[in-house]
Amino acid sequence: MRRSKARYKAARTQSDIIALAGFNNTENHNEKQLLDMLNISSNEYPFITQRPPREQIEALTAGKYLFASNVLCWVDGLNFYYGGISKGTLTNDPTSIVEMNNFIVIFPDEVYYDKVNDTWGSFTSGYAINYATVNDNRMFAVSGNQLIASKQGDFKTWDSFQGVNTDSYAADVATQGDFIGLVTFQDHVTMFKYDDIHELYGNMPSNYTIPEALKTGCVDARTAAELDGILMFMSQDGIYSYSGGLPRKISNEVDVSYEGGVAATSDGKYYVSLYNGTDYSLFVYDARYKEWYKEDDLQVTHFAKLDGILYALTADNKILQFNSGSEIVSWEIESNEFDQLIFENKTYRELLINIELEYGSTAILYIKKDNLPYELIKSMTDAKQRHFRIPINLSNCNSFQFKITGNGEFTLKNIRRTFDLGGRINVWC
């Protein structure tokens, strides 16, 4: 019969340096990833830093929509503004605004602003249209389970069926449920249902086909946004990326259930303001490093991008410009638990944190040892000091976490942990 005997090995000291990474609040995190964060950015990757400032550029009364043409446009109350100037009045809240051939077209009212002639007009499609997009000089829309299209080159005409290539188009799509939105992606129209996604192929009504592209659906078409040829969107169990073939889930690090949101892409990142039924969280996925970062609880109703600059309309009726202004950002990071997974006894000896603060910025460091409450270790408030290398005695603990809160600009370069290995181990014989 085999029995275990205790043996003792001489302790040896080991240390390593870790550059921290993005957000991961799941059990399947790696030691670089953070349990929680507030207003953190990947801009200095592989270092940790605060998000850039945001600047309020407009205060609306009842903001309903934000749209980018050659100038920024918005709907305040029921008034449509082009570059800050009111151009027309709506009857209903807008559900979709698209541009075609210098006309800005607004649904469901079926009205338009002619940018060239500075005129306001209306048309009738004969359908109940809430969502539209433009492709191949033609306006496409979904209505119920139908895909419909205007006459080519003429968004005002939806009932021209003359048997020619420029005809209007309408087709029922037999899969379950109504369409909840559509986008133009990879030079063709992609349509979303809750349980599946369809794509339109062909270059004229006579050869259009609408195959089911994915069994993975989209729960909120406002989360669909293209990033470097890849379509990102929210499905029932998380955020997916799709570039043809099978979709790939990219939000395994975010262990929270969300039911809706709104998204945009900018500078290699996917910004998504997510709603979980109670609260909002603004997450940012950096596709270059495949890491998630959490900013704050900003409730975005619409994004728009103009001349490479990202803007957001928020639920409190502000239009914000990202990466602009002099905002002093409050931030926070919290590590996952560090517990060296080695089949030997171990105890932690020291943690060294390498952090840099800009002049006038402040930070406070807390440590939790062996799941005990956090204790304050150091307040970094010296206006004359920028570089901090903070050694922390971990008093022979087996695990630890740290948390840092602060205000202003900072860069967390890395951490170094030192631990002893050795002591009693069990050997079977």
Protein backbone atom coordinates (compact mmCIF):
# COMPACT_ATOMS: atom_id res chain seq x y z
CA MET A 1 0.00 0.00 0.00
CA ARG A 2 1.39 3.41 -0.98
CA ARG A 3 1.71 6.03 1.71
CA SER A 4 2.75 9.62 1.70
CA LYS A 5 5.80 10.79 3.58
CA ALA A 6 6.60 14.34 4.46
CA ARG A 7 9.87 15.69 3.19
CA TYR A 8 11.34 19.12 3.58
CA LYS A 9 13.15 21.08 0.96
CA ALA A 10 15.37 24.05 1.59
CA ALA A 11 13.56 27.29 0.91
CA ARG A 12 14.64 29.29 -2.09
CA THR A 13 13.65 32.80 -3.09
CA GLN A 14 12.12 33.59 -6.46
CA SER A 15 10.87 36.84 -7.99
CA ASP A 16 9.28 37.92 -11.25
CA ILE A 17 8.19 41.11 -12.94
CA ILE A 18 4.63 41.41 -14.28
CA ALA A 19 3.35 44.03 -16.71
CA LEU A 20 -0.39 44.26 -16.06
CA ALA A 21 -3.01 44.01 -18.79
CA GLY A 22 -6.76 44.40 -19.29
CA PHE A 23 -10.03 43.62 -17.52
CA ASN A 24 -11.01 40.06 -16.59
CA ASN A 25 -13.47 39.35 -13.77
CA THR A 26 -13.85 35.64 -14.55
CA GLU A 27 -12.25 32.61 -12.95
CA ASN A 28 -10.28 32.04 -16.16
CA HIS A 29 -8.09 35.12 -15.82
CA ASN A 30 -4.34 35.24 -16.17
CA GLU A 31 -2.17 36.93 -13.56
CA LYS A 32 -1.67 40.03 -15.69
CA GLN A 33 -5.37 40.84 -15.94
CA LEU A 34 -7.26 43.03 -13.48
CA LEU A 35 -10.38 42.11 -11.53
CA ASP A 36 -11.86 45.58 -11.75
CA MET A 37 -11.03 49.03 -13.01
CA LEU A 38 -12.41 52.51 -13.46
CA ASN A 39 -11.40 54.87 -16.27
CA ILE A 40 -8.45 52.81 -17.46
CA SER A 41 -6.98 52.84 -20.98
CA SER A 42 -4.67 50.77 -23.18
CA ASN A 43 -3.06 53.88 -24.68
CA GLU A 44 0.31 53.15 -23.03
CA TYR A 45 0.17 49.36 -23.39
CA PRO A 46 1.82 47.31 -21.88
CA PHE A 47 1.60 49.91 -19.12
CA ILE A 48 -1.61 50.83 -17.27
CA THR A 49 -2.81 54.42 -17.54
CA GLN A 50 -5.96 56.54 -17.17
CA ARG A 51 -8.35 57.08 -20.06
CA PRO A 52 -8.03 60.33 -22.05
CA PRO A 53 -10.26 63.28 -21.09
CA ARG A 54 -13.65 63.98 -22.61
CA GLU A 55 -14.97 67.46 -23.34
CA GLN A 56 -18.57 68.63 -23.49
CA ILE A 57 -19.13 70.55 -26.72
CA GLU A 58 -22.93 70.90 -26.67
CA ALA A 59 -25.71 70.83 -24.07
CA LEU A 60 -29.06 69.77 -25.53
CA THR A 61 -32.54 69.95 -24.05
CA ALA A 62 -33.81 66.52 -25.09
CA GLY A 63 -31.16 64.81 -27.21
CA LYS A 64 -32.60 62.06 -29.45
CA TYR A 65 -29.93 61.29 -32.07
CA LEU A 66 -26.34 62.05 -33.09
CA PHE A 67 -25.12 61.69 -36.66
CA ALA A 68 -21.97 62.64 -38.58
CA SER A 69 -22.14 64.03 -42.11
CA ASN A 70 -19.50 66.53 -43.21
CA VAL A 71 -20.50 68.29 -39.99
CA LEU A 72 -21.95 67.01 -36.74
CA CYS A 73 -25.76 66.67 -36.77
CA TRP A 74 -28.23 65.95 -34.00
CA VAL A 75 -31.89 65.85 -33.08
CA ASP A 76 -32.89 67.87 -30.02
CA GLY A 77 -36.51 67.36 -29.06
CA LEU A 78 -38.06 67.09 -32.53
CA ASN A 79 -35.73 69.56 -34.24
CA PHE A 80 -33.01 68.41 -36.63
CA TYR A 81 -29.75 70.39 -36.44
CA TYR A 82 -27.09 70.44 -39.13
CA GLY A 83 -23.85 71.93 -37.87
CA GLY A 84 -25.71 73.53 -34.99
CA ILE A 85 -28.39 75.14 -37.18
CA SER A 86 -32.01 73.93 -37.10
CA LYS A 87 -33.11 72.69 -40.53
CA GLY A 88 -36.42 70.91 -39.97
CA THR A 89 -38.95 69.49 -37.53
CA LEU A 90 -39.85 65.84 -36.99
CA THR A 91 -43.12 64.25 -35.94
CA ASN A 92 -41.60 61.16 -34.25
CA ASP A 93 -38.38 60.38 -32.46
CA PRO A 94 -35.80 59.26 -35.04
CA THR A 95 -34.86 55.58 -35.21
CA SER A 96 -32.41 55.78 -38.12
CA ILE A 97 -30.55 58.55 -39.95
CA VAL A 98 -28.58 57.78 -43.11
CA GLU A 99 -27.01 59.82 -45.90
CA MET A 100 -27.23 59.23 -49.63
CA ASN A 101 -26.04 61.56 -52.39
CA ASN A 102 -25.96 64.67 -50.16
CA PHE A 103 -29.40 63.96 -48.70
CA ILE A 104 -29.69 63.21 -44.97
CA VAL A 105 -32.71 60.89 -44.64
CA ILE A 106 -34.55 60.36 -41.34
CA PHE A 107 -36.82 57.46 -40.39
CA PRO A 108 -39.55 56.66 -39.45
CA ASP A 109 -40.82 60.10 -40.51
CA GLU A 110 -39.45 59.70 -44.06
CA VAL A 111 -38.13 63.24 -44.23
CA TYR A 112 -34.83 64.53 -45.56
CA TYR A 113 -32.48 67.48 -45.56
CA ASP A 114 -30.95 68.44 -48.92
CA LYS A 115 -27.46 69.71 -48.07
CA VAL A 116 -26.79 71.18 -51.50
CA ASN A 117 -29.98 73.24 -51.79
CA ASP A 118 -30.52 73.72 -48.04
CA THR A 119 -34.11 72.43 -48.21
CA TRP A 120 -36.31 70.15 -46.12
CA GLY A 121 -38.66 67.63 -47.71
CA SER A 122 -40.59 64.38 -47.30
CA PHE A 123 -41.50 61.23 -49.22
CA THR A 124 -43.61 58.10 -48.80
CA SER A 125 -42.15 54.60 -49.06
CA GLY A 126 -45.30 52.62 -48.34
CA TYR A 127 -43.53 50.67 -45.61
CA ALA A 128 -43.04 51.07 -41.88
CA ILE A 129 -39.31 51.71 -41.85
CA ASN A 130 -37.29 52.05 -38.65
CA TYR A 131 -33.80 51.03 -39.81
CA ALA A 132 -31.97 51.80 -43.05
CA THR A 133 -28.54 51.74 -44.66
CA VAL A 134 -27.01 52.63 -48.02
CA ASN A 135 -25.15 50.36 -50.43
CA ASP A 136 -24.47 50.45 -54.17
CA ASN A 137 -26.25 53.81 -54.60
CA ARG A 138 -29.44 52.33 -53.20
CA MET A 139 -31.17 52.68 -49.83
CA PHE A 140 -31.99 49.42 -48.05
CA ALA A 141 -34.29 49.02 -45.08
CA VAL A 142 -35.96 46.35 -42.99
CA SER A 143 -39.65 46.29 -42.09
CA GLY A 144 -40.90 43.37 -40.03
CA ASN A 145 -39.39 40.28 -41.66
CA GLN A 146 -38.94 42.02 -45.01
CA LEU A 147 -35.84 43.44 -46.69
CA ILE A 148 -36.77 46.32 -48.98
CA ALA A 149 -34.80 48.66 -51.20
CA SER A 150 -35.42 51.91 -53.01
CA LYS A 151 -34.96 52.45 -56.69
CA GLN A 152 -31.26 52.75 -57.45
CA GLY A 153 -30.13 56.35 -57.12
CA ASP A 154 -33.54 57.48 -55.82
CA PHE A 155 -34.26 57.02 -52.11
CA LYS A 156 -37.73 58.56 -52.54
CA THR A 157 -39.03 55.75 -54.79
CA TRP A 158 -39.76 52.33 -53.25
CA ASP A 159 -42.46 50.99 -55.61
CA SER A 160 -40.83 50.96 -59.04
CA PHE A 161 -41.07 47.40 -60.42
CA GLN A 162 -40.42 47.66 -64.16
CA GLY A 163 -38.22 44.60 -64.59
CA VAL A 164 -35.02 46.67 -64.94
CA ASN A 165 -31.80 46.68 -62.98
CA THR A 166 -32.63 49.93 -61.19
CA ASP A 167 -35.93 48.63 -59.80
CA SER A 168 -37.04 48.83 -56.19
CA TYR A 169 -36.96 45.58 -54.25
CA ALA A 170 -38.94 43.77 -51.55
CA ALA A 171 -38.60 40.24 -50.20
CA ASP A 172 -39.85 38.29 -47.20
CA VAL A 173 -37.24 36.43 -45.17
CA ALA A 174 -38.76 33.29 -43.70
CA THR A 175 -36.58 32.81 -40.62
CA GLN A 176 -38.24 33.38 -37.25
CA GLY A 177 -38.76 36.89 -35.96
CA ASP A 178 -38.53 40.43 -37.26
CA PHE A 179 -35.37 42.21 -38.25
CA ILE A 180 -33.97 44.53 -35.59
CA GLY A 181 -31.52 46.44 -37.80
CA LEU A 182 -29.02 46.31 -40.65
CA VAL A 183 -25.62 47.66 -41.66
CA THR A 184 -23.42 47.83 -44.72
CA PHE A 185 -20.46 45.50 -44.19
CA GLN A 186 -17.82 44.34 -46.70
CA ASP A 187 -19.71 46.03 -49.55
CA HIS A 188 -22.98 44.24 -48.95
CA VAL A 189 -25.97 44.55 -46.64
CA THR A 190 -26.00 42.56 -43.38
CA MET A 191 -29.33 42.19 -41.54
CA PHE A 192 -29.86 41.24 -37.90
CA LYS A 193 -32.48 39.17 -36.17
CA TYR A 194 -32.42 38.09 -32.54
CA ASP A 195 -31.48 34.50 -33.41
CA ASP A 196 -29.68 34.79 -36.73
CA ILE A 197 -27.99 37.08 -39.25
CA HIS A 198 -28.64 37.32 -42.99
CA GLU A 199 -26.54 38.80 -45.79
CA LEU A 200 -27.64 40.15 -49.15
CA TYR A 201 -25.73 39.00 -52.24
CA GLY A 202 -26.10 40.07 -55.84
CA ASN A 203 -25.89 43.39 -57.69
CA MET A 204 -29.47 43.89 -58.88
CA PRO A 205 -32.98 42.87 -57.79
CA SER A 206 -33.15 40.05 -60.33
CA ASN A 207 -30.21 38.20 -58.78
CA TYR A 208 -30.46 39.23 -55.13
CA THR A 209 -30.28 36.36 -52.62
CA ILE A 210 -30.62 36.59 -48.84
CA PRO A 211 -28.97 33.53 -47.27
CA GLU A 212 -28.78 32.97 -43.56
CA ALA A 213 -25.14 33.72 -42.76
CA LEU A 214 -25.06 32.94 -39.03
CA LYS A 215 -27.09 31.07 -36.45
CA THR A 216 -25.70 33.58 -33.97
CA GLY A 217 -28.09 36.52 -33.71
CA CYS A 218 -27.80 40.10 -32.50
CA VAL A 219 -29.77 41.45 -29.54
CA ASP A 220 -29.20 45.14 -30.28
CA ALA A 221 -28.19 46.36 -33.75
CA ARG A 222 -26.83 49.57 -32.25
CA THR A 223 -23.88 47.49 -30.99
CA ALA A 224 -22.87 46.58 -34.56
CA ALA A 225 -19.75 48.42 -35.71
CA GLU A 226 -16.95 47.66 -38.15
CA LEU A 227 -13.33 47.65 -37.02
CA ASP A 228 -10.62 47.09 -39.65
CA GLY A 229 -12.81 44.85 -41.79
CA ILE A 230 -14.31 42.95 -38.84
CA LEU A 231 -17.92 43.33 -37.72
CA MET A 232 -18.42 43.50 -33.95
CA PHE A 233 -21.86 43.02 -32.39
CA MET A 234 -23.63 41.87 -29.23
CA SER A 235 -25.28 38.47 -29.25
CA GLN A 236 -27.26 36.77 -26.49
CA ASP A 237 -24.16 35.61 -24.61
CA GLY A 238 -21.64 38.35 -25.30
CA ILE A 239 -19.75 40.37 -27.91
CA TYR A 240 -18.75 38.65 -31.15
CA SER A 241 -16.48 39.46 -34.07
CA TYR A 242 -17.29 38.34 -37.60
CA SER A 243 -15.34 38.64 -40.82
CA GLY A 244 -16.89 35.75 -42.76
CA GLY A 245 -17.09 32.10 -41.76
CA LEU A 246 -17.79 31.46 -38.11
CA PRO A 247 -18.18 34.30 -35.59
CA ARG A 248 -15.80 34.43 -32.63
CA LYS A 249 -16.78 35.43 -29.12
CA ILE A 250 -14.38 38.08 -27.84
CA SER A 251 -15.93 38.95 -24.47
CA ASN A 252 -15.08 35.86 -22.44
CA GLU A 253 -13.27 38.12 -19.98
CA VAL A 254 -16.43 40.08 -19.11
CA ASP A 255 -18.58 38.04 -16.72
CA VAL A 256 -21.71 40.20 -16.72
CA SER A 257 -25.03 39.71 -18.50
CA TYR A 258 -26.11 42.63 -20.67
CA GLU A 259 -29.34 43.14 -22.57
CA GLY A 260 -28.49 46.06 -24.84
CA GLY A 261 -26.04 48.77 -25.73
CA VAL A 262 -24.63 51.11 -28.34
CA ALA A 263 -21.19 50.96 -29.93
CA ALA A 264 -18.66 52.62 -32.24
CA THR A 265 -15.08 52.07 -33.33
CA SER A 266 -12.14 54.45 -33.26
CA ASP A 267 -8.33 54.15 -33.33
CA GLY A 268 -8.32 50.36 -33.36
CA LYS A 269 -10.80 50.10 -30.48
CA TYR A 270 -14.42 49.02 -30.07
CA TYR A 271 -16.32 51.26 -27.64
CA VAL A 272 -19.56 49.81 -26.26
CA SER A 273 -21.86 51.33 -23.64
CA LEU A 274 -23.60 48.26 -22.18
CA TYR A 275 -26.84 48.07 -20.20
CA ASN A 276 -27.46 45.19 -17.79
CA GLY A 277 -31.06 46.05 -16.95
CA THR A 278 -30.08 48.41 -14.14
CA ASP A 279 -26.72 50.06 -14.82
CA TYR A 280 -24.55 51.13 -17.72
CA SER A 281 -20.85 50.43 -18.21
CA LEU A 282 -18.59 51.77 -20.95
CA PHE A 283 -16.18 49.04 -22.04
CA VAL A 284 -13.42 49.36 -24.64
CA TYR A 285 -11.95 46.42 -26.54
CA ASP A 286 -8.48 47.02 -27.98
CA ALA A 287 -8.26 44.71 -30.98
CA ARG A 288 -4.48 45.13 -31.24
CA TYR A 289 -3.87 43.52 -27.86
CA LYS A 290 -7.16 41.59 -27.55
CA GLU A 291 -7.78 43.11 -24.12
CA TRP A 292 -10.85 44.73 -22.53
CA TYR A 293 -10.77 47.93 -20.49
CA LYS A 294 -13.55 49.44 -18.40
CA GLU A 295 -14.00 53.18 -18.33
CA ASP A 296 -17.07 54.29 -16.33
CA ASP A 297 -20.87 54.31 -16.19
CA LEU A 298 -21.28 56.69 -19.14
CA GLN A 299 -24.73 56.10 -20.64
CA VAL A 300 -24.31 56.68 -24.36
CA THR A 301 -27.42 56.80 -26.54
CA HIS A 302 -25.59 57.43 -29.83
CA PHE A 303 -22.00 57.57 -31.09
CA ALA A 304 -20.78 59.46 -34.14
CA LYS A 305 -17.36 59.77 -35.76
CA LEU A 306 -16.31 62.84 -37.72
CA ASP A 307 -12.84 63.43 -39.19
CA GLY A 308 -11.44 60.61 -37.09
CA ILE A 309 -12.82 62.05 -33.83
CA LEU A 310 -15.30 60.11 -31.69
CA TYR A 311 -18.34 61.88 -30.24
CA ALA A 312 -21.11 60.62 -27.96
CA LEU A 313 -24.62 61.79 -27.11
CA THR A 314 -25.38 60.85 -23.51
CA ALA A 315 -28.61 60.22 -21.66
CA ASP A 316 -28.16 63.50 -19.77
CA ASN A 317 -28.31 65.41 -23.09
CA LYS A 318 -24.62 66.20 -23.51
CA ILE A 319 -22.54 65.84 -26.63
CA LEU A 320 -19.02 64.79 -25.62
CA GLN A 321 -15.85 64.81 -27.66
CA PHE A 322 -13.48 62.00 -26.75
CA ASN A 323 -9.73 62.56 -26.33
CA SER A 324 -10.26 66.27 -25.78
CA GLY A 325 -10.34 68.86 -23.01
CA SER A 326 -8.72 69.28 -19.61
CA GLU A 327 -10.80 66.86 -17.52
CA ILE A 328 -8.98 65.47 -14.47
CA VAL A 329 -9.82 61.78 -14.55
CA SER A 330 -10.47 59.77 -11.38
CA TRP A 331 -9.36 56.16 -11.78
CA GLU A 332 -9.04 52.85 -9.96
CA ILE A 333 -7.55 49.41 -10.52
CA GLU A 334 -7.92 46.21 -8.50
CA SER A 335 -5.86 43.10 -9.17
CA ASN A 336 -7.06 39.55 -9.20
CA GLU A 337 -5.72 37.39 -6.40
CA PHE A 338 -2.06 36.42 -6.76
CA ASP A 339 -1.55 32.84 -5.60
CA GLN A 340 1.51 31.18 -7.09
CA LEU A 341 0.37 27.86 -8.55
CA ILE A 342 3.42 25.69 -7.83
CA PHE A 343 3.30 22.24 -6.23
CA GLU A 344 5.41 23.33 -3.30
CA ASN A 345 4.80 25.33 -0.18
CA LYS A 346 5.31 29.01 -0.79
CA THR A 347 4.99 32.26 1.05
CA TYR A 348 5.11 35.77 -0.37
CA ARG A 349 7.84 38.04 0.88
CA GLU A 350 7.60 41.38 -0.94
CA LEU A 351 5.71 43.30 -3.58
CA LEU A 352 7.36 46.19 -5.43
CA ILE A 353 5.07 48.54 -7.38
CA ASN A 354 6.60 50.80 -10.03
CA ILE A 355 4.28 53.73 -10.70
CA GLU A 356 4.73 57.19 -12.19
CA LEU A 357 2.47 60.18 -11.49
CA GLU A 358 2.35 63.42 -13.38
CA TYR A 359 2.88 66.50 -11.24
CA GLY A 360 -0.31 67.30 -9.33
CA SER A 361 -1.71 63.78 -9.63
CA THR A 362 -2.39 61.65 -6.56
CA ALA A 363 -2.79 57.94 -5.79
CA ILE A 364 -3.50 55.69 -2.79
CA LEU A 365 -2.29 52.08 -2.54
CA TYR A 366 -4.11 49.33 -0.61
CA ILE A 367 -3.11 45.70 0.02
CA LYS A 368 -5.23 42.67 0.94
CA LYS A 369 -3.34 39.67 2.40
CA ASP A 370 -4.79 36.15 2.55
CA ASN A 371 -8.34 37.45 1.90
CA LEU A 372 -8.30 39.77 4.91
CA PRO A 373 -9.70 43.31 4.51
CA TYR A 374 -7.75 45.85 2.49
CA GLU A 375 -5.27 47.99 4.42
CA LEU A 376 -3.93 51.36 3.34
CA ILE A 377 -0.22 51.16 2.50
CA LYS A 378 0.76 54.51 1.01
CA SER A 379 -0.72 57.81 -0.10
CA MET A 380 1.18 59.35 -2.98
CA THR A 381 0.41 63.06 -2.82
CA ASP A 382 3.85 64.71 -2.98
CA ALA A 383 3.55 67.37 -5.66
CA LYS A 384 7.35 67.33 -6.13
CA GLN A 385 7.71 63.58 -6.68
CA ARG A 386 6.76 61.75 -9.87
CA HIS A 387 8.38 58.32 -9.67
CA PHE A 388 7.44 55.86 -6.94
CA ARG A 389 8.94 52.42 -6.35
CA ILE A 390 6.98 51.13 -3.39
CA PRO A 391 8.24 48.03 -1.56
CA ILE A 392 5.56 46.24 0.48
CA ASN A 393 6.28 43.63 3.12
CA LEU A 394 3.82 40.81 2.58
CA SER A 395 4.62 39.14 5.94
CA ASN A 396 4.76 35.54 4.74
CA CYS A 397 1.26 35.57 3.24
CA ASN A 398 0.12 32.93 0.77
CA SER A 399 -1.93 35.23 -1.44
CA PHE A 400 -2.51 38.92 -1.94
CA GLN A 401 -4.40 41.51 -3.95
CA PHE A 402 -3.76 45.20 -4.41
CA LYS A 403 -5.92 48.18 -5.25
CA ILE A 404 -4.85 51.66 -6.32
CA THR A 405 -7.14 54.68 -6.58
CA GLY A 406 -6.13 58.06 -7.90
CA ASN A 407 -6.79 61.31 -9.69
CA GLY A 408 -4.95 62.68 -12.69
CA GLU A 409 -2.38 61.22 -15.04
CA PHE A 410 -0.44 58.11 -14.06
CA THR A 411 1.47 55.20 -15.53
CA LEU A 412 1.75 51.89 -13.74
CA LYS A 413 4.87 50.33 -15.29
CA ASN A 414 4.93 46.93 -13.61
CA ILE A 415 4.98 45.03 -10.34
CA ARG A 416 7.63 42.69 -8.96
CA ARG A 417 6.69 39.99 -6.49
CA THR A 418 9.14 38.01 -4.39
CA PHE A 419 8.27 34.74 -2.66
CA ASP A 420 9.94 31.82 -0.91
CA LEU A 421 9.51 28.26 -2.18
CA GLY A 422 10.16 25.20 -0.06
CA GLY A 423 9.12 23.62 3.22
CA ARG A 424 7.04 20.49 3.57
CA ILE A 425 5.90 18.55 0.48
CA ASN A 426 4.21 15.13 0.26
CA VAL A 427 5.96 12.33 -1.61
CA TRP A 428 4.12 9.06 -2.39
CA CYS A 429 6.03 5.87 -1.91
